Structures are given as structure tokens and as C-alpha cells.
Amino acid sequence: IWALATVLWRISDTENSLNHFFFITMITSGVIVLFNFNPLIKLDGYFLLSDYLEIPNLRAKAFSYLGGWFKNKILGVLIAVPKVSAKEKKVYPIYGILSMTYSFFLIGFFFLKLAQFLINKFQVLGLSLFLILSFFIFKYPIKLSLAGLGQFFIVKKNSFMQPKKIAFK
């Protein structure tokens, strides 16, 4: 589509409305192709990177590794961190953090634009629609997070119940 739109844009009359349509189609197709090569989300670029690094399921493995590391080092919950090679030990944190950050901002940007559109177009009804839509989209992740938080408190219950020594010297 990109190549065809480019050729038709170049050979059509610049004053013709079809010329503008071909130009918009060419630009849109080009941006989509470039976006598709982004390795931080599961599109063609991700699969190219995964094949190049010879790590199948790179995203899931990186998130699993980072999750295990976070639970062990930050939360102090003793769980088994997956055994990984030296190469994977370097790749997983870098890819996982970059991918998580990019996905967070991409989703945040999408929801911000959606909220702006709905609120500008429908005011209070738009805000209500946005909140309802957000609730249904994020219901499962919120449940999962709350369940994980509950598990954390169950595991850490004994340490929370221990009296703390405060030294003032």
C-alpha cells in the first residue's frame, strides 16, 4: 500500500483531491511500517529482536525475571528467580525495563487522548463513559495487583507483627 500510494501520489495531478488522498495514505502507511518495527511491543520488531537474540518469548521471560528479582530484592519475598544464562542476565533487565516503560507511556498516552476526546465531545457523559470504560479494561489487572498485595501481606505477616527496636543514642 505504501509503495502503491507513493507511485500514485507522484504521478497524479497535484491539484487533484486524489493526490491528497494518496499523500495521506503514503504518510500513514509509512508511519505504520516504522511503528511496526518497534521492538518494545509485540509487533514485527519484537519478533526480529527475539530471533536475533535467540530468546523465544523474550517479553514474557524478561517480565518474569524482573518480577522475581523485584519480589526477592525489593519486597523481600523469597521466591525462586528463574535460572538464566549470562547473556539473558544482561538482556532481561534492559529489555524488560525499556519495554515496561514504553508500554506504560504508550497506554497512558492513548488513555489521555481518549479522555480528552470524550470529555471535549460529550462533557460529563464523556467523563462517565471514560471512567466506565477504564474500569472494565483495568478490572482484571487491578484484581491481580490486589491479590498480589494480599499475598505479600500474608507472607510478611510475621515480620509485621514483630516489635521494632528503635534506638535513640
C-alpha atoms as a PDB file:
ATOM      1  CA  ILE A   1       0.000   0.000   0.000  1.00  0.00           C
ATOM      2  CA  TRP A   2       2.855   2.348   0.895  1.00  0.00           C
ATOM      3  CA  ALA A   3       4.654   1.831  -2.421  1.00  0.00           C
ATOM      4  CA  LEU A   4       1.473   1.998  -4.492  1.00  0.00           C
ATOM      5  CA  ALA A   5       0.298   5.177  -2.742  1.00  0.00           C
ATOM      6  CA  THR A   6       3.739   6.756  -3.264  1.00  0.00           C
ATOM      7  CA  VAL A   7       3.723   5.990  -7.005  1.00  0.00           C
ATOM      8  CA  LEU A   8       0.123   7.193  -7.445  1.00  0.00           C
ATOM      9  CA  TRP A   9       0.855  10.346  -5.431  1.00  0.00           C
ATOM     10  CA  ARG A  10       3.851  11.178  -7.637  1.00  0.00           C
ATOM     11  CA  ILE A  11       2.069  10.622 -10.971  1.00  0.00           C
ATOM     12  CA  SER A  12      -1.271  12.263 -10.106  1.00  0.00           C
ATOM     13  CA  ASP A  13      -2.022  15.955 -10.622  1.00  0.00           C
ATOM     14  CA  THR A  14      -1.122  17.985  -7.522  1.00  0.00           C
ATOM     15  CA  GLU A  15      -4.373  19.978  -7.715  1.00  0.00           C
ATOM     16  CA  ASN A  16      -6.478  16.803  -7.703  1.00  0.00           C
ATOM     17  CA  SER A  17      -8.099  15.624  -4.448  1.00  0.00           C
ATOM     18  CA  LEU A  18      -6.907  12.077  -5.223  1.00  0.00           C
ATOM     19  CA  ASN A  19      -3.349  13.397  -4.952  1.00  0.00           C
ATOM     20  CA  HIS A  20      -4.037  14.495  -1.378  1.00  0.00           C
ATOM     21  CA  PHE A  21      -5.650  11.127  -0.591  1.00  0.00           C
ATOM     22  CA  PHE A  22      -2.600   9.265  -1.959  1.00  0.00           C
ATOM     23  CA  PHE A  23      -0.295  11.549   0.046  1.00  0.00           C
ATOM     24  CA  ILE A  24      -2.178  10.892   3.296  1.00  0.00           C
ATOM     25  CA  THR A  25      -2.247   7.138   2.545  1.00  0.00           C
ATOM     26  CA  MET A  26       1.507   7.169   1.846  1.00  0.00           C
ATOM     27  CA  ILE A  27       2.319   9.023   5.096  1.00  0.00           C
ATOM     28  CA  THR A  28       0.005   6.854   7.194  1.00  0.00           C
ATOM     29  CA  SER A  29       1.375   3.623   5.718  1.00  0.00           C
ATOM     30  CA  GLY A  30       4.955   4.772   6.296  1.00  0.00           C
ATOM     31  CA  VAL A  31       4.310   5.631   9.936  1.00  0.00           C
ATOM     32  CA  ILE A  32       2.567   2.279  10.485  1.00  0.00           C
ATOM     33  CA  VAL A  33       5.501   0.386   8.953  1.00  0.00           C
ATOM     34  CA  LEU A  34       8.001   2.263  11.137  1.00  0.00           C
ATOM     35  CA  PHE A  35       5.848   1.740  14.240  1.00  0.00           C
ATOM     36  CA  ASN A  36       5.648  -1.968  13.368  1.00  0.00           C
ATOM     37  CA  PHE A  37       9.444  -2.261  13.670  1.00  0.00           C
ATOM     38  CA  ASN A  38       9.409  -1.094  17.290  1.00  0.00           C
ATOM     39  CA  PRO A  39      10.892  -3.981  19.338  1.00  0.00           C
ATOM     40  CA  LEU A  40       9.409  -2.815  22.660  1.00  0.00           C
ATOM     41  CA  ILE A  41       5.885  -4.011  21.856  1.00  0.00           C
ATOM     42  CA  LYS A  42       4.849  -7.348  20.363  1.00  0.00           C
ATOM     43  CA  LEU A  43       4.908  -6.456  16.689  1.00  0.00           C
ATOM     44  CA  ASP A  44       7.340  -7.396  13.914  1.00  0.00           C
ATOM     45  CA  GLY A  45      10.292  -5.567  15.512  1.00  0.00           C
ATOM     46  CA  TYR A  46       9.868  -7.596  18.706  1.00  0.00           C
ATOM     47  CA  PHE A  47       9.957 -10.889  16.790  1.00  0.00           C
ATOM     48  CA  LEU A  48      13.012  -9.733  14.814  1.00  0.00           C
ATOM     49  CA  LEU A  49      14.829  -8.862  18.065  1.00  0.00           C
ATOM     50  CA  SER A  50      13.727 -12.088  19.716  1.00  0.00           C
ATOM     51  CA  ASP A  51      15.027 -14.111  16.752  1.00  0.00           C
ATOM     52  CA  TYR A  52      18.264 -12.103  16.607  1.00  0.00           C
ATOM     53  CA  LEU A  53      18.942 -12.665  20.325  1.00  0.00           C
ATOM     54  CA  GLU A  54      17.789 -16.302  20.008  1.00  0.00           C
ATOM     55  CA  ILE A  55      15.480 -15.888  23.025  1.00  0.00           C
ATOM     56  CA  PRO A  56      11.932 -17.048  22.301  1.00  0.00           C
ATOM     57  CA  ASN A  57       9.203 -15.341  24.376  1.00  0.00           C
ATOM     58  CA  LEU A  58      11.627 -12.552  25.260  1.00  0.00           C
ATOM     59  CA  ARG A  59       8.979 -10.241  26.707  1.00  0.00           C
ATOM     60  CA  ALA A  60       7.370 -12.838  28.982  1.00  0.00           C
ATOM     61  CA  LYS A  61      10.737 -14.136  30.173  1.00  0.00           C
ATOM     62  CA  ALA A  62      12.079 -10.626  30.830  1.00  0.00           C
ATOM     63  CA  PHE A  63       8.963  -9.661  32.803  1.00  0.00           C
ATOM     64  CA  SER A  64       9.090 -12.928  34.756  1.00  0.00           C
ATOM     65  CA  TYR A  65      12.766 -12.384  35.582  1.00  0.00           C
ATOM     66  CA  LEU A  66      12.200  -8.763  36.645  1.00  0.00           C
ATOM     67  CA  GLY A  67       9.139  -9.745  38.685  1.00  0.00           C
ATOM     68  CA  GLY A  68      11.105 -12.419  40.526  1.00  0.00           C
ATOM     69  CA  TRP A  69      14.005 -10.052  41.121  1.00  0.00           C
ATOM     70  CA  PHE A  70      11.646  -7.320  42.402  1.00  0.00           C
ATOM     71  CA  LYS A  71       9.878  -9.705  44.774  1.00  0.00           C
ATOM     72  CA  ASN A  72      13.198 -11.020  46.127  1.00  0.00           C
ATOM     73  CA  LYS A  73      15.271  -7.852  46.385  1.00  0.00           C
ATOM     74  CA  ILE A  74      12.697  -5.123  46.968  1.00  0.00           C
ATOM     75  CA  LEU A  75       9.771  -6.835  48.689  1.00  0.00           C
ATOM     76  CA  GLY A  76      11.863  -9.459  50.475  1.00  0.00           C
ATOM     77  CA  VAL A  77       9.549 -12.304  49.443  1.00  0.00           C
ATOM     78  CA  LEU A  78      11.616 -15.444  48.922  1.00  0.00           C
ATOM     79  CA  ILE A  79      10.630 -16.958  45.598  1.00  0.00           C
ATOM     80  CA  ALA A  80      12.671 -18.756  43.002  1.00  0.00           C
ATOM     81  CA  VAL A  81      14.053 -16.442  40.339  1.00  0.00           C
ATOM     82  CA  PRO A  82      14.304 -18.297  37.016  1.00  0.00           C
ATOM     83  CA  LYS A  83      17.789 -19.583  36.194  1.00  0.00           C
ATOM     84  CA  VAL A  84      19.197 -17.665  33.245  1.00  0.00           C
ATOM     85  CA  SER A  85      22.379 -17.578  31.207  1.00  0.00           C
ATOM     86  CA  ALA A  86      24.888 -14.723  31.395  1.00  0.00           C
ATOM     87  CA  LYS A  87      23.533 -13.247  28.142  1.00  0.00           C
ATOM     88  CA  GLU A  88      19.954 -13.402  29.409  1.00  0.00           C
ATOM     89  CA  LYS A  89      21.016 -11.813  32.708  1.00  0.00           C
ATOM     90  CA  LYS A  90      22.141  -8.778  30.696  1.00  0.00           C
ATOM     91  CA  VAL A  91      19.254  -8.711  28.211  1.00  0.00           C
ATOM     92  CA  TYR A  92      16.258  -9.271  30.511  1.00  0.00           C
ATOM     93  CA  PRO A  93      16.664  -6.208  32.768  1.00  0.00           C
ATOM     94  CA  ILE A  94      17.409  -3.856  29.872  1.00  0.00           C
ATOM     95  CA  TYR A  95      14.625  -5.139  27.620  1.00  0.00           C
ATOM     96  CA  GLY A  96      12.145  -5.557  30.469  1.00  0.00           C
ATOM     97  CA  ILE A  97      12.586  -2.041  31.863  1.00  0.00           C
ATOM     98  CA  LEU A  98      12.559  -0.390  28.418  1.00  0.00           C
ATOM     99  CA  SER A  99       9.540  -2.406  27.295  1.00  0.00           C
ATOM    100  CA  MET A 100       7.619  -1.797  30.515  1.00  0.00           C
ATOM    101  CA  THR A 101       8.341   1.941  30.436  1.00  0.00           C
ATOM    102  CA  TYR A 102       7.420   2.285  26.761  1.00  0.00           C
ATOM    103  CA  SER A 103       4.209   0.267  27.181  1.00  0.00           C
ATOM    104  CA  PHE A 104       3.225   2.314  30.234  1.00  0.00           C
ATOM    105  CA  PHE A 105       3.683   5.611  28.393  1.00  0.00           C
ATOM    106  CA  LEU A 106       2.014   4.317  25.209  1.00  0.00           C
ATOM    107  CA  ILE A 107      -1.062   3.150  27.110  1.00  0.00           C
ATOM    108  CA  GLY A 108      -1.056   6.340  29.196  1.00  0.00           C
ATOM    109  CA  PHE A 109      -0.879   8.496  26.063  1.00  0.00           C
ATOM    110  CA  PHE A 110      -3.728   6.545  24.449  1.00  0.00           C
ATOM    111  CA  PHE A 111      -5.936   6.891  27.526  1.00  0.00           C
ATOM    112  CA  LEU A 112      -5.110  10.584  27.902  1.00  0.00           C
ATOM    113  CA  LYS A 113      -6.117  11.269  24.286  1.00  0.00           C
ATOM    114  CA  LEU A 114      -9.247   9.141  24.658  1.00  0.00           C
ATOM    115  CA  ALA A 115     -10.236  11.019  27.836  1.00  0.00           C
ATOM    116  CA  GLN A 116      -9.613  14.389  26.174  1.00  0.00           C
ATOM    117  CA  PHE A 117     -11.692  13.415  23.150  1.00  0.00           C
ATOM    118  CA  LEU A 118     -14.619  12.014  25.152  1.00  0.00           C
ATOM    119  CA  ILE A 119     -14.686  14.888  27.653  1.00  0.00           C
ATOM    120  CA  ASN A 120     -14.381  17.581  24.963  1.00  0.00           C
ATOM    121  CA  LYS A 121     -17.062  15.938  22.840  1.00  0.00           C
ATOM    122  CA  PHE A 122     -19.576  14.826  25.495  1.00  0.00           C
ATOM    123  CA  GLN A 123     -18.551  16.712  28.708  1.00  0.00           C
ATOM    124  CA  VAL A 124     -19.911  14.900  31.816  1.00  0.00           C
ATOM    125  CA  LEU A 125     -21.279  12.000  29.767  1.00  0.00           C
ATOM    126  CA  GLY A 126     -17.837  11.636  28.164  1.00  0.00           C
ATOM    127  CA  LEU A 127     -16.142  11.562  31.559  1.00  0.00           C
ATOM    128  CA  SER A 128     -18.617   8.921  32.737  1.00  0.00           C
ATOM    129  CA  LEU A 129     -18.049   6.867  29.589  1.00  0.00           C
ATOM    130  CA  PHE A 130     -14.279   7.109  30.042  1.00  0.00           C
ATOM    131  CA  LEU A 131     -14.427   6.038  33.694  1.00  0.00           C
ATOM    132  CA  ILE A 132     -16.715   3.078  32.908  1.00  0.00           C
ATOM    133  CA  LEU A 133     -14.514   2.007  30.003  1.00  0.00           C
ATOM    134  CA  SER A 134     -11.379   2.322  32.161  1.00  0.00           C
ATOM    135  CA  PHE A 135     -12.975   0.261  34.903  1.00  0.00           C
ATOM    136  CA  PHE A 136     -13.800  -2.605  32.554  1.00  0.00           C
ATOM    137  CA  ILE A 137     -10.377  -2.512  30.898  1.00  0.00           C
ATOM    138  CA  PHE A 138      -8.407  -2.381  34.150  1.00  0.00           C
ATOM    139  CA  LYS A 139     -10.667  -4.551  36.309  1.00  0.00           C
ATOM    140  CA  TYR A 140      -8.593  -7.715  35.881  1.00  0.00           C
ATOM    141  CA  PRO A 141      -5.143  -6.087  36.346  1.00  0.00           C
ATOM    142  CA  ILE A 142      -6.379  -4.302  39.479  1.00  0.00           C
ATOM    143  CA  LYS A 143      -7.770  -7.574  40.874  1.00  0.00           C
ATOM    144  CA  LEU A 144      -4.458  -9.268  40.125  1.00  0.00           C
ATOM    145  CA  SER A 145      -2.486  -6.485  41.819  1.00  0.00           C
ATOM    146  CA  LEU A 146      -4.685  -6.541  44.906  1.00  0.00           C
ATOM    147  CA  ALA A 147      -4.364 -10.335  45.112  1.00  0.00           C
ATOM    148  CA  GLY A 148      -0.579  -9.988  44.887  1.00  0.00           C
ATOM    149  CA  LEU A 149      -0.624  -7.331  47.579  1.00  0.00           C
ATOM    150  CA  GLY A 150      -2.714  -9.624  49.778  1.00  0.00           C
ATOM    151  CA  GLN A 151      -0.222 -12.465  49.256  1.00  0.00           C
ATOM    152  CA  PHE A 152       2.618 -10.099  50.161  1.00  0.00           C
ATOM    153  CA  PHE A 153       0.963  -9.194  53.472  1.00  0.00           C
ATOM    154  CA  ILE A 154       0.273 -12.861  54.236  1.00  0.00           C
ATOM    155  CA  VAL A 155       3.934 -13.749  53.645  1.00  0.00           C
ATOM    156  CA  LYS A 156       5.188 -10.750  55.626  1.00  0.00           C
ATOM    157  CA  LYS A 157       2.609 -11.066  58.436  1.00  0.00           C
ATOM    158  CA  ASN A 158       5.090 -12.405  60.983  1.00  0.00           C
ATOM    159  CA  SER A 159       7.643  -9.680  60.307  1.00  0.00           C
ATOM    160  CA  PHE A 160       4.943  -7.012  60.638  1.00  0.00           C
ATOM    161  CA  MET A 161       3.850  -8.466  63.978  1.00  0.00           C
ATOM    162  CA  GLN A 162       7.375  -8.388  65.472  1.00  0.00           C
ATOM    163  CA  PRO A 163       8.068  -5.432  67.757  1.00  0.00           C
ATOM    164  CA  LYS A 164      10.534  -2.993  66.259  1.00  0.00           C
ATOM    165  CA  LYS A 165      13.500  -1.703  68.210  1.00  0.00           C
ATOM    166  CA  ILE A 166      14.091   1.974  67.928  1.00  0.00           C
ATOM    167  CA  ALA A 167      17.474   3.142  69.133  1.00  0.00           C
ATOM    168  CA  PHE A 168      17.959   6.692  70.275  1.00  0.00           C
ATOM    169  CA  LYS A 169      21.628   7.139  71.035  1.00  0.00           C
END
